[in-house]
Amino acid sequence: MMKKALCLLAVLTVLFTTACGNPTIKNGEEVIAEINGKKYTADELYKELKGQYGYDIVINWVDEQIAEKEVKTTDDLEKEVDEAVKLYLQYAEQYGMPIGDFAATYMGLSGITDEESLKNFLLTQSKLSLAIEKYVKEQLTDKEIEDYYNDNYKEVYTYREILIIDDDDADEKISSIKKALKDKSDEKLEDEFTDLAKKYSASDTASDGGLVKKAIQSNVDSSVWKKIKDLKNGKATTDEIKTDAGFYFVLRVSKDEAEKLDDIKDSVKDALVESKLTNDPTLSYDALTALRNKYKLAFYDSDLKKDYDSDLKSLDEYKQQLKDSEKED
């Protein structure tokens, strides 16, 4: 898309900068080419390019302008984007490809020609995502925030975990852990569990004996969370818990006091926004539509307006399909 946009802009630039020297036909239209006696005008070229690329180029440009208005380029955002660019450049080097070819092949992006164009693209996309998150956050109600807090932050636990990846050695490791934990006295159970976590766990908590401090429900696998709630302090699961990440053993250390909503409200709102955007596949499009309306987007070209209206209609139809699917479930 970026490549198409650049091509269109380049052609239009040529047209506008050379128009004065071009011949015209009776109705005053600029002639840009002639073959076998047939003249092709700038208006014909515009219609052709608009038909192929126009709507996508315009709507992408509109969204870029919204992103620039809604989100400032901070040092933290620049740093985040620079790190992403560096990572993509490393990948491109590993594949022995120029960044443009890598972006087209593995990122689905045409028009990336160098590090600077990649950075500009990633920065715009990051700002657009932040603009969407900002809009969704502004629409949150006090009840939504309080309900999410009650559902996810009122219960807090500190626990230890052992994660075993589901690979060829999994059964052997699980058997060893069960054997080591069996019949351990309460005084020695946590010490033994800590040592086993350091030895076997694939979690990033392994070096700390699997310790997870002040965990809340939204950050823990639902199956693991249920076991933690059922355990008493100082007790561990006797069997592995199967999850998408692998197999878990957990030991509950303590049930902790929950932080007050007023003290963590920003974090709760951020988590709620992330949850809403993850669970509602249409919310980001609704937010974009609302932002476009906020900036009074209007199409004066009938074809472009028809394309935009068609997009909105398709979105409404998709939302209805999701609702119908939920009813069937």
Protein backbone atom coordinates (compact mmCIF):
# COMPACT_ATOMS: atom_id res chain seq x y z
CA MET A 1 0.00 0.00 0.00
CA MET A 2 2.78 2.44 0.83
CA LYS A 3 4.42 1.69 -2.49
CA LYS A 4 1.14 2.34 -4.32
CA ALA A 5 0.73 5.59 -2.44
CA LEU A 6 4.22 6.70 -3.36
CA CYS A 7 3.61 5.81 -6.99
CA LEU A 8 0.38 7.82 -7.07
CA LEU A 9 1.98 10.81 -5.40
CA ALA A 10 4.90 10.66 -7.81
CA VAL A 11 2.61 10.59 -10.84
CA LEU A 12 0.48 13.45 -9.53
CA THR A 13 3.62 15.47 -8.84
CA VAL A 14 4.76 14.98 -12.43
CA LEU A 15 1.32 16.01 -13.70
CA PHE A 16 1.14 19.17 -11.63
CA THR A 17 4.70 20.28 -12.33
CA THR A 18 4.52 19.72 -16.09
CA ALA A 19 0.93 20.69 -16.78
CA CYS A 20 1.77 24.13 -18.09
CA GLY A 21 3.69 22.70 -21.02
CA ASN A 22 1.19 19.97 -21.95
CA PRO A 23 -1.21 20.19 -24.89
CA THR A 24 -4.95 20.31 -24.19
CA ILE A 25 -8.04 19.05 -25.94
CA LYS A 26 -11.16 21.13 -26.62
CA ASN A 27 -12.64 20.89 -23.14
CA GLY A 28 -9.36 22.09 -21.61
CA GLU A 29 -8.21 18.76 -20.15
CA GLU A 30 -4.45 18.23 -20.01
CA VAL A 31 -3.10 15.60 -22.37
CA ILE A 32 -0.46 13.41 -20.75
CA ALA A 33 0.12 10.77 -23.44
CA GLU A 34 -0.85 9.80 -26.97
CA ILE A 35 -0.66 6.52 -28.81
CA ASN A 36 -1.94 5.66 -32.30
CA GLY A 37 -3.76 8.96 -32.41
CA LYS A 38 -5.65 8.50 -29.12
CA LYS A 39 -4.96 11.09 -26.45
CA TYR A 40 -4.99 10.23 -22.72
CA THR A 41 -5.80 13.03 -20.29
CA ALA A 42 -4.82 13.81 -16.72
CA ASP A 43 -8.45 13.39 -15.71
CA GLU A 44 -8.50 9.87 -17.13
CA LEU A 45 -5.31 9.03 -15.25
CA TYR A 46 -6.74 10.39 -12.01
CA LYS A 47 -9.88 8.28 -12.37
CA GLU A 48 -7.82 5.18 -13.09
CA LEU A 49 -5.51 5.69 -10.14
CA LYS A 50 -8.41 6.59 -7.85
CA GLY A 51 -10.21 3.41 -8.85
CA GLN A 52 -7.21 1.22 -8.09
CA TYR A 53 -5.68 2.83 -5.02
CA GLY A 54 -7.50 6.04 -4.12
CA TYR A 55 -9.73 5.00 -1.21
CA ASP A 56 -7.05 3.03 0.65
CA ILE A 57 -4.53 5.84 0.23
CA VAL A 58 -6.93 8.52 1.43
CA ILE A 59 -8.23 6.60 4.47
CA ASN A 60 -4.69 5.65 5.52
CA TRP A 61 -3.63 9.27 5.21
CA VAL A 62 -6.65 10.39 7.27
CA ASP A 63 -5.81 7.90 10.04
CA GLU A 64 -2.19 9.05 10.04
CA GLN A 65 -3.33 12.65 10.53
CA ILE A 66 -5.57 11.57 13.41
CA ALA A 67 -2.69 9.70 15.03
CA GLU A 68 -0.50 12.81 14.79
CA LYS A 69 -3.21 14.98 16.36
CA GLU A 70 -4.07 12.56 19.16
CA VAL A 71 -0.64 11.32 20.26
CA LYS A 72 2.56 13.25 20.80
CA THR A 73 5.92 11.74 19.91
CA THR A 74 7.55 11.24 23.30
CA ASP A 75 11.09 10.11 24.05
CA ASP A 76 9.72 6.81 25.37
CA LEU A 77 7.76 6.20 22.19
CA GLU A 78 10.79 7.05 20.04
CA LYS A 79 12.90 4.64 22.08
CA GLU A 80 10.31 1.88 21.73
CA VAL A 81 10.11 2.33 17.97
CA ASP A 82 13.92 2.53 17.63
CA GLU A 83 14.20 -0.81 19.45
CA ALA A 84 11.62 -2.35 17.12
CA VAL A 85 13.50 -1.04 14.06
CA LYS A 86 16.75 -2.45 15.41
CA LEU A 87 15.09 -5.84 15.90
CA TYR A 88 13.70 -5.91 12.36
CA LEU A 89 17.07 -4.89 10.94
CA GLN A 90 18.69 -7.77 12.82
CA TYR A 91 16.14 -10.20 11.40
CA ALA A 92 16.70 -8.86 7.90
CA GLU A 93 20.46 -9.30 8.31
CA GLN A 94 20.00 -12.87 9.55
CA TYR A 95 17.99 -13.65 6.42
CA GLY A 96 20.55 -11.88 4.24
CA MET A 97 17.96 -9.51 2.84
CA PRO A 98 17.70 -5.72 2.41
CA ILE A 99 15.16 -4.28 4.84
CA GLY A 100 12.76 -3.49 1.99
CA ASP A 101 12.68 -7.09 0.79
CA PHE A 102 12.38 -8.39 4.36
CA ALA A 103 9.50 -6.01 5.12
CA ALA A 104 7.66 -7.07 1.96
CA THR A 105 8.26 -10.79 2.48
CA TYR A 106 7.83 -11.23 6.24
CA MET A 107 5.90 -8.14 7.37
CA GLY A 108 3.57 -7.74 4.41
CA LEU A 109 4.69 -4.13 3.89
CA SER A 110 5.50 -2.69 0.49
CA GLY A 111 7.11 0.71 0.14
CA ILE A 112 9.66 0.25 2.93
CA THR A 113 12.97 1.19 1.37
CA ASP A 114 15.29 1.91 4.27
CA GLU A 115 15.59 2.25 8.02
CA GLU A 116 13.99 5.70 8.05
CA SER A 117 10.85 4.66 6.15
CA LEU A 118 10.48 1.62 8.43
CA LYS A 119 10.76 3.84 11.49
CA ASN A 120 8.18 6.30 10.14
CA PHE A 121 5.74 3.48 9.45
CA LEU A 122 6.18 1.86 12.87
CA LEU A 123 5.91 5.22 14.62
CA THR A 124 2.65 6.01 12.84
CA GLN A 125 1.20 2.59 13.62
CA SER A 126 2.20 2.88 17.27
CA LYS A 127 0.60 6.31 17.55
CA LEU A 128 -2.56 5.09 15.87
CA SER A 129 -2.80 2.19 18.34
CA LEU A 130 -2.27 4.59 21.23
CA ALA A 131 -4.94 6.91 19.83
CA ILE A 132 -7.41 4.02 19.76
CA GLU A 133 -6.51 3.00 23.34
CA LYS A 134 -6.86 6.60 24.46
CA TYR A 135 -10.33 6.87 22.93
CA VAL A 136 -11.52 3.57 24.47
CA LYS A 137 -10.20 4.65 27.88
CA GLU A 138 -12.11 7.93 27.65
CA GLN A 139 -15.35 5.99 27.15
CA LEU A 140 -14.97 3.81 30.27
CA THR A 141 -17.65 4.25 32.91
CA ASP A 142 -17.06 4.24 36.66
CA LYS A 143 -19.16 1.08 36.94
CA GLU A 144 -17.07 -0.74 34.32
CA ILE A 145 -13.88 0.20 36.14
CA GLU A 146 -15.23 -0.83 39.55
CA ASP A 147 -16.61 -4.13 38.22
CA TYR A 148 -13.32 -4.98 36.54
CA TYR A 149 -11.46 -4.14 39.73
CA ASN A 150 -13.76 -6.37 41.80
CA ASP A 151 -13.44 -9.25 39.33
CA ASN A 152 -9.66 -9.07 38.93
CA TYR A 153 -7.98 -7.19 41.77
CA LYS A 154 -9.88 -7.98 44.97
CA GLU A 155 -8.15 -11.35 45.41
CA VAL A 156 -4.36 -11.27 45.56
CA TYR A 157 -1.98 -14.17 46.16
CA THR A 158 1.73 -14.77 46.43
CA TYR A 159 2.69 -18.22 45.18
CA ARG A 160 5.49 -20.31 43.71
CA GLU A 161 5.29 -22.02 40.33
CA ILE A 162 7.04 -24.69 38.34
CA LEU A 163 6.42 -24.71 34.59
CA ILE A 164 7.26 -27.82 32.58
CA ILE A 165 7.19 -27.43 28.81
CA ASP A 166 5.29 -30.18 27.01
CA ASP A 167 8.25 -31.82 25.27
CA ASP A 168 9.92 -35.23 25.17
CA ASP A 169 11.29 -34.88 28.72
CA ALA A 170 8.07 -33.60 30.27
CA ASP A 171 6.84 -36.91 31.71
CA GLU A 172 10.20 -37.64 33.32
CA LYS A 173 10.41 -34.19 34.90
CA ILE A 174 6.82 -34.32 36.15
CA SER A 175 7.43 -37.73 37.71
CA SER A 176 10.58 -36.45 39.45
CA ILE A 177 8.74 -33.43 40.85
CA LYS A 178 5.86 -35.52 42.16
CA LYS A 179 8.25 -37.92 43.82
CA ALA A 180 10.25 -35.11 45.41
CA LEU A 181 7.16 -33.36 46.80
CA LYS A 182 5.41 -36.49 48.04
CA ASP A 183 4.99 -36.69 51.81
CA LYS A 184 7.12 -33.61 52.44
CA SER A 185 6.37 -32.01 55.78
CA ASP A 186 4.94 -28.49 55.83
CA GLU A 187 8.23 -27.13 57.17
CA LYS A 188 10.25 -28.53 54.27
CA LEU A 189 7.69 -28.34 51.46
CA GLU A 190 8.36 -24.77 50.33
CA ASP A 191 12.14 -25.24 50.49
CA GLU A 192 11.86 -28.36 48.34
CA PHE A 193 9.48 -26.66 45.91
CA THR A 194 11.86 -23.71 45.60
CA ASP A 195 14.78 -26.00 44.73
CA LEU A 196 12.67 -27.90 42.19
CA ALA A 197 11.62 -24.65 40.52
CA LYS A 198 15.24 -23.59 40.13
CA LYS A 199 16.11 -27.00 38.70
CA TYR A 200 13.19 -27.74 36.39
CA SER A 201 11.00 -24.71 35.74
CA ALA A 202 10.91 -23.12 32.30
CA SER A 203 9.26 -19.98 33.70
CA ASP A 204 11.18 -16.70 33.96
CA THR A 205 10.59 -16.94 37.73
CA ALA A 206 12.79 -20.05 37.98
CA SER A 207 15.89 -18.23 39.25
CA ASP A 208 13.82 -16.90 42.15
CA GLY A 209 12.47 -20.31 43.05
CA GLY A 210 9.28 -19.76 41.06
CA LEU A 211 8.15 -16.90 43.28
CA VAL A 212 5.26 -14.78 41.96
CA LYS A 213 4.36 -11.88 44.24
CA LYS A 214 0.91 -10.31 44.59
CA ALA A 215 -0.63 -12.02 41.57
CA ILE A 216 -4.09 -11.05 40.34
CA GLN A 217 -6.54 -13.14 38.36
CA SER A 218 -6.13 -11.38 35.01
CA ASN A 219 -2.39 -12.19 34.97
CA VAL A 220 -2.70 -15.91 35.75
CA ASP A 221 -3.98 -18.85 33.69
CA SER A 222 -7.55 -19.60 34.79
CA SER A 223 -6.79 -23.26 35.62
CA VAL A 224 -3.76 -22.26 37.69
CA TRP A 225 -5.72 -19.51 39.44
CA LYS A 226 -8.46 -21.95 40.47
CA LYS A 227 -5.89 -24.26 42.08
CA ILE A 228 -4.22 -21.38 43.93
CA LYS A 229 -7.60 -20.32 45.37
CA ASP A 230 -8.35 -23.89 46.49
CA LEU A 231 -5.00 -24.41 48.24
CA LYS A 232 -4.22 -23.42 51.80
CA ASN A 233 -1.16 -21.33 52.60
CA GLY A 234 1.99 -23.45 52.48
CA LYS A 235 0.34 -26.22 50.44
CA ALA A 236 1.20 -27.33 46.90
CA THR A 237 -0.62 -29.16 44.12
CA THR A 238 0.04 -32.88 44.06
CA ASP A 239 -0.69 -33.22 40.33
CA GLU A 240 0.36 -31.16 37.32
CA ILE A 241 -2.02 -28.57 35.88
CA LYS A 242 -2.29 -28.71 32.09
CA THR A 243 -2.34 -25.31 30.33
CA ASP A 244 -1.58 -23.96 26.87
CA ALA A 245 1.90 -23.00 28.09
CA GLY A 246 2.70 -26.44 29.50
CA PHE A 247 2.28 -28.16 32.88
CA TYR A 248 2.26 -26.25 36.16
CA PHE A 249 2.82 -27.12 39.79
CA VAL A 250 1.96 -24.36 42.26
CA LEU A 251 2.49 -23.72 45.95
CA ARG A 252 0.43 -21.04 47.65
CA VAL A 253 2.55 -18.85 49.91
CA SER A 254 -0.03 -16.33 51.13
CA LYS A 255 -3.28 -14.55 50.46
CA ASP A 256 -2.43 -10.85 50.36
CA GLU A 257 -4.31 -7.66 51.00
CA ALA A 258 -5.72 -6.08 47.86
CA GLU A 259 -4.69 -2.56 46.88
CA LYS A 260 -7.43 0.05 46.95
CA LEU A 261 -9.00 1.02 43.63
CA ASP A 262 -8.09 4.70 44.03
CA ASP A 263 -4.41 3.76 44.39
CA ILE A 264 -4.23 1.66 41.22
CA LYS A 265 -7.01 3.16 39.10
CA ASP A 266 -4.76 4.00 36.13
CA SER A 267 -3.44 0.43 36.02
CA VAL A 268 -6.96 -0.97 36.26
CA LYS A 269 -8.13 1.25 33.39
CA ASP A 270 -5.16 0.24 31.22
CA ALA A 271 -5.85 -3.44 31.86
CA LEU A 272 -9.56 -3.01 31.16
CA VAL A 273 -8.86 -1.24 27.86
CA GLU A 274 -6.50 -4.04 26.81
CA SER A 275 -9.11 -6.63 27.78
CA LYS A 276 -11.89 -4.88 25.84
CA LEU A 277 -9.76 -4.51 22.69
CA THR A 278 -8.66 -8.15 22.90
CA ASN A 279 -12.13 -9.56 23.46
CA ASP A 280 -14.01 -7.34 21.00
CA PRO A 281 -12.54 -7.65 17.48
CA THR A 282 -14.60 -4.71 16.22
CA LEU A 283 -13.89 -2.20 18.99
CA SER A 284 -10.73 -0.77 17.41
CA TYR A 285 -12.67 -0.10 14.17
CA ASP A 286 -15.49 1.54 16.13
CA ALA A 287 -12.92 3.72 17.89
CA LEU A 288 -11.33 4.71 14.57
CA THR A 289 -14.73 5.58 13.12
CA ALA A 290 -15.52 7.73 16.16
CA LEU A 291 -12.16 9.50 15.88
CA ARG A 292 -12.76 10.19 12.19
CA ASN A 293 -16.15 11.66 13.12
CA LYS A 294 -14.50 13.73 15.85
CA TYR A 295 -12.30 15.36 13.21
CA LYS A 296 -15.31 15.76 10.88
CA LEU A 297 -14.14 13.46 8.08
CA ALA A 298 -16.13 14.16 4.92
CA PHE A 299 -15.71 12.77 1.41
CA TYR A 300 -16.60 15.12 -1.43
CA ASP A 301 -15.74 12.55 -4.09
CA SER A 302 -18.81 10.35 -4.59
CA ASP A 303 -16.79 7.21 -5.36
CA LEU A 304 -14.64 7.54 -2.25
CA LYS A 305 -17.71 8.23 -0.12
CA LYS A 306 -19.37 5.12 -1.53
CA ASP A 307 -16.31 3.05 -0.62
CA TYR A 308 -16.27 4.45 2.92
CA ASP A 309 -19.99 3.85 3.42
CA SER A 310 -19.49 0.31 2.16
CA ASP A 311 -16.75 -0.21 4.74
CA LEU A 312 -19.03 0.97 7.54
CA LYS A 313 -21.84 -1.27 6.30
CA SER A 314 -19.50 -4.27 6.22
CA LEU A 315 -18.44 -3.52 9.80
CA ASP A 316 -22.07 -3.41 10.95
CA GLU A 317 -22.79 -6.70 9.19
CA TYR A 318 -19.76 -8.33 10.82
CA LYS A 319 -20.86 -7.10 14.26
CA GLN A 320 -24.30 -8.58 13.67
CA GLN A 321 -22.74 -11.90 12.66
CA LEU A 322 -20.78 -11.95 15.92
CA LYS A 323 -23.95 -11.26 17.91
CA ASP A 324 -25.83 -14.03 16.12
CA SER A 325 -22.94 -16.42 16.73
CA GLU A 326 -22.94 -15.59 20.46
CA LYS A 327 -26.68 -16.29 20.66
CA GLU A 328 -26.17 -19.72 19.04
CA ASP A 329 -23.45 -20.55 21.56
